N, C-alpha and C. Protein backbone atom coordinates (compact mmCIF):
# COMPACT_ATOMS: atom_id res chain seq x y z
N MET A 1 36.10 -20.07 -11.96
CA MET A 1 36.36 -21.49 -11.90
C MET A 1 36.70 -21.99 -13.30
N ARG A 2 37.75 -22.77 -13.43
CA ARG A 2 38.19 -23.28 -14.72
C ARG A 2 37.81 -24.74 -14.86
N PHE A 3 37.37 -25.07 -16.08
CA PHE A 3 37.04 -26.45 -16.38
C PHE A 3 37.89 -26.90 -17.55
N GLN A 4 38.23 -28.17 -17.57
CA GLN A 4 38.98 -28.71 -18.68
C GLN A 4 38.00 -29.21 -19.73
N VAL A 5 38.24 -28.80 -20.97
CA VAL A 5 37.40 -29.21 -22.08
C VAL A 5 38.08 -30.39 -22.77
N PRO A 6 37.34 -31.50 -22.96
CA PRO A 6 37.95 -32.65 -23.63
C PRO A 6 38.33 -32.29 -25.07
N GLN A 7 39.49 -32.75 -25.49
CA GLN A 7 39.96 -32.51 -26.85
C GLN A 7 40.24 -33.85 -27.51
N PHE A 8 40.32 -33.83 -28.83
CA PHE A 8 40.58 -35.02 -29.62
C PHE A 8 39.56 -36.12 -29.33
N ILE A 9 38.27 -35.77 -29.33
CA ILE A 9 37.24 -36.76 -29.01
C ILE A 9 36.96 -37.69 -30.18
N GLU A 10 37.45 -37.35 -31.39
CA GLU A 10 37.26 -38.22 -32.55
C GLU A 10 38.24 -39.38 -32.56
N VAL A 11 39.35 -39.27 -31.84
CA VAL A 11 40.38 -40.30 -31.82
C VAL A 11 40.02 -41.33 -30.75
N GLU A 12 40.00 -42.61 -31.18
CA GLU A 12 39.67 -43.67 -30.23
C GLU A 12 40.87 -43.96 -29.33
N ASP A 13 40.57 -44.40 -28.12
CA ASP A 13 41.63 -44.72 -27.16
C ASP A 13 42.31 -46.02 -27.53
N LYS A 14 43.63 -46.06 -27.39
CA LYS A 14 44.42 -47.27 -27.62
C LYS A 14 44.41 -48.07 -26.32
N ILE A 15 43.72 -49.19 -26.32
CA ILE A 15 43.56 -49.97 -25.10
C ILE A 15 44.55 -51.13 -25.06
N PHE A 16 44.69 -51.84 -26.17
CA PHE A 16 45.57 -53.02 -26.23
C PHE A 16 46.83 -52.67 -27.01
N GLY A 17 47.75 -51.97 -26.38
CA GLY A 17 48.99 -51.56 -27.05
C GLY A 17 48.67 -50.54 -28.13
N PRO A 18 49.03 -50.83 -29.39
CA PRO A 18 48.74 -49.88 -30.46
C PRO A 18 47.34 -50.06 -31.06
N LEU A 19 46.53 -50.95 -30.48
CA LEU A 19 45.21 -51.26 -31.05
C LEU A 19 44.09 -50.67 -30.21
N THR A 20 43.03 -50.24 -30.91
CA THR A 20 41.83 -49.83 -30.20
C THR A 20 41.02 -51.07 -29.85
N LEU A 21 39.95 -50.88 -29.11
CA LEU A 21 39.12 -52.03 -28.72
C LEU A 21 38.50 -52.69 -29.94
N LYS A 22 37.98 -51.90 -30.88
CA LYS A 22 37.38 -52.47 -32.10
C LYS A 22 38.39 -53.26 -32.91
N GLN A 23 39.59 -52.69 -33.08
CA GLN A 23 40.61 -53.39 -33.85
C GLN A 23 40.99 -54.71 -33.18
N PHE A 24 41.12 -54.68 -31.86
CA PHE A 24 41.46 -55.91 -31.15
C PHE A 24 40.35 -56.96 -31.30
N ILE A 25 39.10 -56.54 -31.22
CA ILE A 25 37.99 -57.49 -31.35
C ILE A 25 37.96 -58.08 -32.76
N TYR A 26 38.17 -57.25 -33.81
CA TYR A 26 38.19 -57.78 -35.17
C TYR A 26 39.32 -58.79 -35.35
N LEU A 27 40.51 -58.46 -34.87
CA LEU A 27 41.65 -59.36 -35.04
C LEU A 27 41.50 -60.63 -34.20
N ALA A 28 41.00 -60.49 -32.97
CA ALA A 28 40.78 -61.67 -32.13
C ALA A 28 39.68 -62.56 -32.72
N GLY A 29 38.63 -61.94 -33.25
CA GLY A 29 37.57 -62.72 -33.88
C GLY A 29 38.06 -63.44 -35.13
N GLY A 30 38.89 -62.77 -35.93
CA GLY A 30 39.46 -63.41 -37.12
C GLY A 30 40.38 -64.55 -36.75
N GLY A 31 41.18 -64.35 -35.71
CA GLY A 31 42.06 -65.43 -35.25
C GLY A 31 41.27 -66.61 -34.71
N GLY A 32 40.22 -66.34 -33.94
CA GLY A 32 39.38 -67.41 -33.41
C GLY A 32 38.65 -68.15 -34.52
N LEU A 33 38.14 -67.42 -35.51
CA LEU A 33 37.45 -68.07 -36.63
C LEU A 33 38.43 -68.88 -37.48
N SER A 34 39.65 -68.41 -37.60
CA SER A 34 40.68 -69.18 -38.32
C SER A 34 41.01 -70.46 -37.58
N PHE A 35 41.10 -70.37 -36.26
CA PHE A 35 41.37 -71.58 -35.47
C PHE A 35 40.22 -72.58 -35.58
N ILE A 36 38.99 -72.10 -35.53
CA ILE A 36 37.84 -72.99 -35.68
C ILE A 36 37.85 -73.64 -37.07
N THR A 37 38.22 -72.88 -38.10
CA THR A 37 38.31 -73.44 -39.45
C THR A 37 39.37 -74.55 -39.50
N TYR A 38 40.51 -74.32 -38.86
CA TYR A 38 41.57 -75.34 -38.82
C TYR A 38 41.09 -76.60 -38.09
N VAL A 39 40.38 -76.42 -36.98
CA VAL A 39 39.90 -77.57 -36.21
C VAL A 39 38.87 -78.36 -37.01
N ILE A 40 37.98 -77.66 -37.71
CA ILE A 40 36.94 -78.34 -38.49
C ILE A 40 37.55 -79.09 -39.67
N ILE A 41 38.46 -78.46 -40.40
CA ILE A 41 39.05 -79.10 -41.58
C ILE A 41 40.07 -80.15 -41.16
N GLY A 42 40.89 -79.86 -40.19
CA GLY A 42 41.81 -80.84 -39.65
C GLY A 42 43.16 -80.91 -40.33
N ASN A 43 43.29 -80.41 -41.52
CA ASN A 43 44.54 -80.44 -42.26
C ASN A 43 44.99 -79.00 -42.50
N LEU A 44 46.22 -78.69 -42.09
CA LEU A 44 46.70 -77.31 -42.21
C LEU A 44 46.83 -76.88 -43.66
N ALA A 45 47.22 -77.77 -44.54
CA ALA A 45 47.39 -77.42 -45.96
C ALA A 45 46.04 -77.06 -46.59
N LEU A 46 44.98 -77.78 -46.23
CA LEU A 46 43.65 -77.49 -46.79
C LEU A 46 43.02 -76.27 -46.12
N ALA A 47 43.31 -76.06 -44.85
CA ALA A 47 42.69 -74.97 -44.11
C ALA A 47 43.42 -73.64 -44.30
N LEU A 48 44.58 -73.66 -44.94
CA LEU A 48 45.39 -72.45 -45.04
C LEU A 48 44.71 -71.36 -45.88
N ILE A 49 44.09 -71.73 -47.00
CA ILE A 49 43.46 -70.72 -47.86
C ILE A 49 42.26 -70.07 -47.17
N PRO A 50 41.32 -70.84 -46.60
CA PRO A 50 40.22 -70.15 -45.88
C PRO A 50 40.71 -69.33 -44.69
N MET A 51 41.76 -69.81 -44.01
CA MET A 51 42.29 -69.06 -42.88
C MET A 51 42.90 -67.73 -43.33
N LEU A 52 43.61 -67.74 -44.46
CA LEU A 52 44.18 -66.50 -44.99
C LEU A 52 43.09 -65.51 -45.40
N VAL A 53 42.02 -66.02 -45.99
CA VAL A 53 40.91 -65.15 -46.38
C VAL A 53 40.26 -64.53 -45.14
N ILE A 54 40.04 -65.34 -44.12
CA ILE A 54 39.42 -64.84 -42.89
C ILE A 54 40.31 -63.80 -42.23
N MET A 55 41.60 -64.05 -42.17
CA MET A 55 42.51 -63.10 -41.54
C MET A 55 42.63 -61.81 -42.36
N ALA A 56 42.59 -61.92 -43.70
CA ALA A 56 42.65 -60.72 -44.54
C ALA A 56 41.40 -59.86 -44.33
N VAL A 57 40.24 -60.49 -44.26
CA VAL A 57 39.00 -59.73 -44.03
C VAL A 57 39.02 -59.09 -42.66
N SER A 58 39.47 -59.82 -41.64
CA SER A 58 39.48 -59.23 -40.29
C SER A 58 40.52 -58.09 -40.21
N ALA A 59 41.65 -58.22 -40.89
CA ALA A 59 42.64 -57.14 -40.90
C ALA A 59 42.09 -55.92 -41.65
N ALA A 60 41.37 -56.16 -42.74
CA ALA A 60 40.76 -55.05 -43.48
C ALA A 60 39.71 -54.35 -42.62
N LEU A 61 38.90 -55.11 -41.90
CA LEU A 61 37.91 -54.50 -41.02
C LEU A 61 38.58 -53.69 -39.91
N ALA A 62 39.72 -54.17 -39.44
CA ALA A 62 40.39 -53.50 -38.33
C ALA A 62 41.14 -52.24 -38.77
N PHE A 63 41.80 -52.28 -39.94
CA PHE A 63 42.73 -51.20 -40.26
C PHE A 63 42.37 -50.38 -41.49
N TYR A 64 41.67 -50.93 -42.46
CA TYR A 64 41.46 -50.23 -43.73
C TYR A 64 40.36 -49.18 -43.59
N LYS A 65 40.65 -47.98 -44.07
CA LYS A 65 39.66 -46.90 -44.09
C LYS A 65 39.53 -46.41 -45.52
N VAL A 66 38.31 -46.32 -46.01
CA VAL A 66 38.04 -45.86 -47.36
C VAL A 66 38.20 -44.35 -47.38
N TYR A 67 38.98 -43.85 -48.30
CA TYR A 67 39.30 -42.43 -48.43
C TYR A 67 39.88 -41.85 -47.13
N ASN A 68 40.60 -42.69 -46.38
CA ASN A 68 41.24 -42.31 -45.12
C ASN A 68 40.27 -41.72 -44.11
N HIS A 69 39.00 -42.08 -44.22
CA HIS A 69 38.02 -41.49 -43.31
C HIS A 69 36.98 -42.51 -42.84
N PHE A 70 36.40 -43.27 -43.77
CA PHE A 70 35.29 -44.16 -43.44
C PHE A 70 35.81 -45.57 -43.15
N PRO A 71 35.42 -46.17 -42.03
CA PRO A 71 35.79 -47.57 -41.77
C PRO A 71 35.13 -48.50 -42.79
N LEU A 72 35.80 -49.60 -43.08
CA LEU A 72 35.31 -50.54 -44.09
C LEU A 72 33.95 -51.11 -43.71
N LEU A 73 33.71 -51.34 -42.44
CA LEU A 73 32.43 -51.90 -42.01
C LEU A 73 31.27 -50.96 -42.32
N SER A 74 31.43 -49.66 -42.12
CA SER A 74 30.33 -48.73 -42.42
C SER A 74 30.12 -48.61 -43.92
N VAL A 75 31.18 -48.71 -44.72
CA VAL A 75 31.03 -48.68 -46.18
C VAL A 75 30.30 -49.94 -46.65
N ALA A 76 30.66 -51.10 -46.09
CA ALA A 76 29.99 -52.35 -46.45
C ALA A 76 28.52 -52.32 -46.03
N GLU A 77 28.23 -51.75 -44.88
CA GLU A 77 26.85 -51.62 -44.42
C GLU A 77 26.04 -50.72 -45.35
N SER A 78 26.62 -49.60 -45.74
CA SER A 78 25.93 -48.69 -46.65
C SER A 78 25.71 -49.33 -48.02
N ALA A 79 26.69 -50.07 -48.51
CA ALA A 79 26.55 -50.76 -49.80
C ALA A 79 25.44 -51.81 -49.73
N PHE A 80 25.36 -52.54 -48.62
CA PHE A 80 24.30 -53.54 -48.46
C PHE A 80 22.93 -52.90 -48.39
N LYS A 81 22.81 -51.78 -47.66
CA LYS A 81 21.53 -51.08 -47.59
C LYS A 81 21.11 -50.56 -48.95
N TYR A 82 22.07 -50.06 -49.72
CA TYR A 82 21.75 -49.59 -51.07
C TYR A 82 21.32 -50.75 -51.96
N TRP A 83 22.01 -51.87 -51.85
CA TRP A 83 21.68 -53.04 -52.68
C TRP A 83 20.31 -53.60 -52.34
N ARG A 84 19.97 -53.66 -51.04
CA ARG A 84 18.69 -54.24 -50.62
C ARG A 84 17.54 -53.23 -50.68
N GLY A 85 17.84 -51.95 -50.61
CA GLY A 85 16.80 -50.94 -50.55
C GLY A 85 16.12 -50.74 -51.89
N GLY A 86 14.93 -50.17 -51.82
CA GLY A 86 14.18 -49.87 -53.03
C GLY A 86 14.75 -48.66 -53.74
N LYS A 87 14.68 -48.72 -55.03
CA LYS A 87 15.18 -47.61 -55.84
C LYS A 87 14.03 -47.07 -56.67
N LEU A 88 13.97 -45.78 -56.78
CA LEU A 88 12.90 -45.13 -57.51
C LEU A 88 13.48 -44.47 -58.75
N TYR A 89 13.09 -44.95 -59.90
CA TYR A 89 13.54 -44.37 -61.16
C TYR A 89 12.37 -43.64 -61.78
N ILE A 90 12.55 -42.38 -62.09
CA ILE A 90 11.48 -41.57 -62.65
C ILE A 90 11.87 -41.13 -64.05
N TRP A 91 10.98 -41.35 -64.96
CA TRP A 91 11.19 -40.93 -66.34
C TRP A 91 9.90 -40.32 -66.82
N LYS A 92 9.96 -39.09 -67.22
CA LYS A 92 8.77 -38.41 -67.72
C LYS A 92 8.82 -38.42 -69.23
N LYS A 93 7.92 -39.16 -69.80
CA LYS A 93 7.86 -39.25 -71.26
C LYS A 93 7.00 -38.10 -71.77
N GLU A 94 7.55 -37.37 -72.72
CA GLU A 94 6.79 -36.29 -73.32
C GLU A 94 6.06 -36.84 -74.54
N ASP A 95 4.77 -36.59 -74.58
CA ASP A 95 3.99 -37.03 -75.72
C ASP A 95 4.29 -36.15 -76.92
N LYS A 96 4.57 -36.80 -78.03
CA LYS A 96 4.84 -36.04 -79.25
C LYS A 96 3.51 -35.66 -79.88
N LYS A 97 3.44 -34.41 -80.28
CA LYS A 97 2.24 -33.94 -80.94
C LYS A 97 2.31 -34.32 -82.41
N PRO A 98 1.19 -34.69 -82.98
CA PRO A 98 1.23 -34.98 -84.42
C PRO A 98 1.53 -33.69 -85.19
N PRO A 99 2.26 -33.82 -86.29
CA PRO A 99 2.62 -32.61 -87.03
C PRO A 99 1.38 -31.89 -87.54
N ALA A 100 1.38 -30.60 -87.30
CA ALA A 100 0.25 -29.78 -87.76
C ALA A 100 0.38 -29.56 -89.27
N SER A 101 -0.72 -29.26 -89.86
CA SER A 101 -0.69 -29.07 -91.32
C SER A 101 -0.97 -27.62 -91.66
N GLY A 102 -0.47 -27.20 -92.78
CA GLY A 102 -0.82 -25.89 -93.32
C GLY A 102 -0.18 -24.74 -92.59
N GLN A 103 -1.01 -23.72 -92.30
CA GLN A 103 -0.52 -22.48 -91.73
C GLN A 103 -0.01 -22.67 -90.29
N ALA A 104 -0.64 -23.56 -89.54
CA ALA A 104 -0.20 -23.80 -88.16
C ALA A 104 1.21 -24.36 -88.13
N ALA A 105 1.54 -25.25 -89.08
CA ALA A 105 2.88 -25.83 -89.14
C ALA A 105 3.90 -24.77 -89.52
N ALA A 106 3.57 -23.90 -90.46
CA ALA A 106 4.49 -22.85 -90.87
C ALA A 106 4.74 -21.87 -89.71
N LYS A 107 3.68 -21.55 -88.95
CA LYS A 107 3.82 -20.65 -87.81
C LYS A 107 4.70 -21.29 -86.73
N GLU A 108 4.51 -22.59 -86.51
CA GLU A 108 5.31 -23.30 -85.51
C GLU A 108 6.79 -23.34 -85.92
N ILE A 109 7.05 -23.53 -87.19
CA ILE A 109 8.43 -23.54 -87.69
C ILE A 109 9.07 -22.17 -87.52
N ARG A 110 8.32 -21.11 -87.82
CA ARG A 110 8.85 -19.76 -87.65
C ARG A 110 9.16 -19.47 -86.18
N ASN A 111 8.27 -19.90 -85.27
CA ASN A 111 8.51 -19.69 -83.84
C ASN A 111 9.74 -20.47 -83.38
N TYR A 112 9.89 -21.67 -83.87
CA TYR A 112 11.04 -22.50 -83.51
C TYR A 112 12.34 -21.87 -84.02
N ALA A 113 12.31 -21.36 -85.23
CA ALA A 113 13.50 -20.76 -85.83
C ALA A 113 13.87 -19.46 -85.12
N SER A 114 12.90 -18.72 -84.62
CA SER A 114 13.23 -17.46 -83.95
C SER A 114 13.80 -17.68 -82.57
N VAL A 115 13.47 -18.80 -81.93
CA VAL A 115 13.95 -19.06 -80.59
C VAL A 115 15.27 -19.82 -80.62
N MET A 116 15.49 -20.61 -81.64
CA MET A 116 16.69 -21.43 -81.70
C MET A 116 17.94 -20.57 -81.83
N VAL A 117 18.95 -20.86 -81.01
CA VAL A 117 20.20 -20.12 -81.05
C VAL A 117 21.04 -20.67 -82.20
N PRO A 118 21.53 -19.81 -83.08
CA PRO A 118 22.29 -20.31 -84.23
C PRO A 118 23.67 -20.77 -83.82
N LYS A 119 24.19 -21.71 -84.58
CA LYS A 119 25.55 -22.17 -84.37
C LYS A 119 26.47 -21.20 -85.09
N ILE A 120 27.44 -20.67 -84.38
CA ILE A 120 28.27 -19.61 -84.93
C ILE A 120 29.39 -20.17 -85.80
N SER A 121 30.09 -21.18 -85.31
CA SER A 121 31.24 -21.67 -86.07
C SER A 121 31.38 -23.17 -85.85
N ASP A 122 32.39 -23.74 -86.47
CA ASP A 122 32.66 -25.16 -86.28
C ASP A 122 33.56 -25.41 -85.08
N SER A 123 34.05 -24.37 -84.46
CA SER A 123 34.94 -24.51 -83.33
C SER A 123 34.14 -24.47 -82.03
N LYS A 124 34.30 -25.49 -81.21
CA LYS A 124 33.59 -25.51 -79.93
C LYS A 124 34.13 -24.46 -78.98
N LEU A 125 35.41 -24.11 -79.13
CA LEU A 125 35.99 -23.08 -78.28
C LEU A 125 35.36 -21.72 -78.56
N LYS A 126 35.16 -21.40 -79.83
CA LYS A 126 34.50 -20.14 -80.17
C LYS A 126 33.05 -20.14 -79.71
N ASP A 127 32.37 -21.29 -79.84
CA ASP A 127 31.00 -21.39 -79.36
C ASP A 127 30.93 -21.18 -77.85
N LEU A 128 31.89 -21.75 -77.14
CA LEU A 128 31.91 -21.59 -75.69
C LEU A 128 32.15 -20.14 -75.30
N ALA A 129 33.07 -19.48 -75.99
CA ALA A 129 33.33 -18.07 -75.69
C ALA A 129 32.10 -17.22 -75.99
N TRP A 130 31.42 -17.52 -77.07
CA TRP A 130 30.21 -16.77 -77.42
C TRP A 130 29.12 -17.01 -76.38
N SER A 131 28.96 -18.28 -75.94
CA SER A 131 27.91 -18.57 -74.97
C SER A 131 28.22 -17.94 -73.62
N LEU A 132 29.51 -17.80 -73.28
CA LEU A 132 29.85 -17.12 -72.03
C LEU A 132 29.55 -15.62 -72.13
N ASP A 133 29.73 -15.05 -73.32
CA ASP A 133 29.45 -13.63 -73.49
C ASP A 133 27.97 -13.32 -73.35
N ILE A 134 27.10 -14.17 -73.89
CA ILE A 134 25.67 -13.87 -73.82
C ILE A 134 24.97 -14.62 -72.70
N LYS A 135 25.73 -15.45 -71.94
CA LYS A 135 25.21 -16.20 -70.79
C LYS A 135 24.13 -17.19 -71.18
N GLU A 136 24.22 -17.75 -72.36
CA GLU A 136 23.34 -18.81 -72.82
C GLU A 136 24.18 -19.80 -73.59
N SER A 137 23.83 -21.07 -73.48
CA SER A 137 24.60 -22.09 -74.17
C SER A 137 24.04 -22.32 -75.56
N VAL A 138 24.92 -22.54 -76.48
CA VAL A 138 24.51 -22.87 -77.85
C VAL A 138 23.87 -24.24 -77.88
N TYR A 139 24.34 -25.13 -77.01
CA TYR A 139 23.91 -26.54 -77.06
C TYR A 139 22.75 -26.87 -76.14
N SER A 140 22.27 -25.91 -75.35
CA SER A 140 21.18 -26.23 -74.43
C SER A 140 19.87 -26.34 -75.18
N ASN A 141 19.00 -27.17 -74.64
CA ASN A 141 17.70 -27.38 -75.26
C ASN A 141 16.63 -26.52 -74.62
N LYS A 142 16.97 -25.79 -73.57
CA LYS A 142 15.94 -24.99 -72.90
C LYS A 142 15.49 -23.83 -73.78
N ASN A 143 16.35 -23.34 -74.67
CA ASN A 143 15.97 -22.25 -75.55
C ASN A 143 15.31 -22.74 -76.82
N GLN A 144 15.31 -24.04 -77.03
CA GLN A 144 14.81 -24.56 -78.28
C GLN A 144 13.45 -25.20 -78.15
N LYS A 145 12.73 -24.98 -77.10
CA LYS A 145 11.40 -25.59 -76.95
C LYS A 145 10.33 -24.65 -77.45
């Protein structure tokens, strides 16, 4: 027995000519809101600017896709959630040890000097080639602790 498998399920159906249902609702809502703005203001010259803004926003909601993939409404929703949501910033402050005196300081300096990777040349390209050869970066701080 053969069954037909639905294909192109990501593509919305065109219900109103070349428009999908969502696009038609956005455009009809923008047109209705523009008409209400005209009726409230009463003068076409004064109502023209708000009407153009409303129609531009409704056209953007209907047709504009961010990066040719995401609808503008979902991007605006995500931006609002990010703006209203709590943000957690973490910063770990390392306490500086007071400098040791005498033999302990000399031993610490020797240990630091033996672990620190020397700078080979003034050329960053040569430093990069050297760090690729030994698989360690000259500029990283992980080797200098």
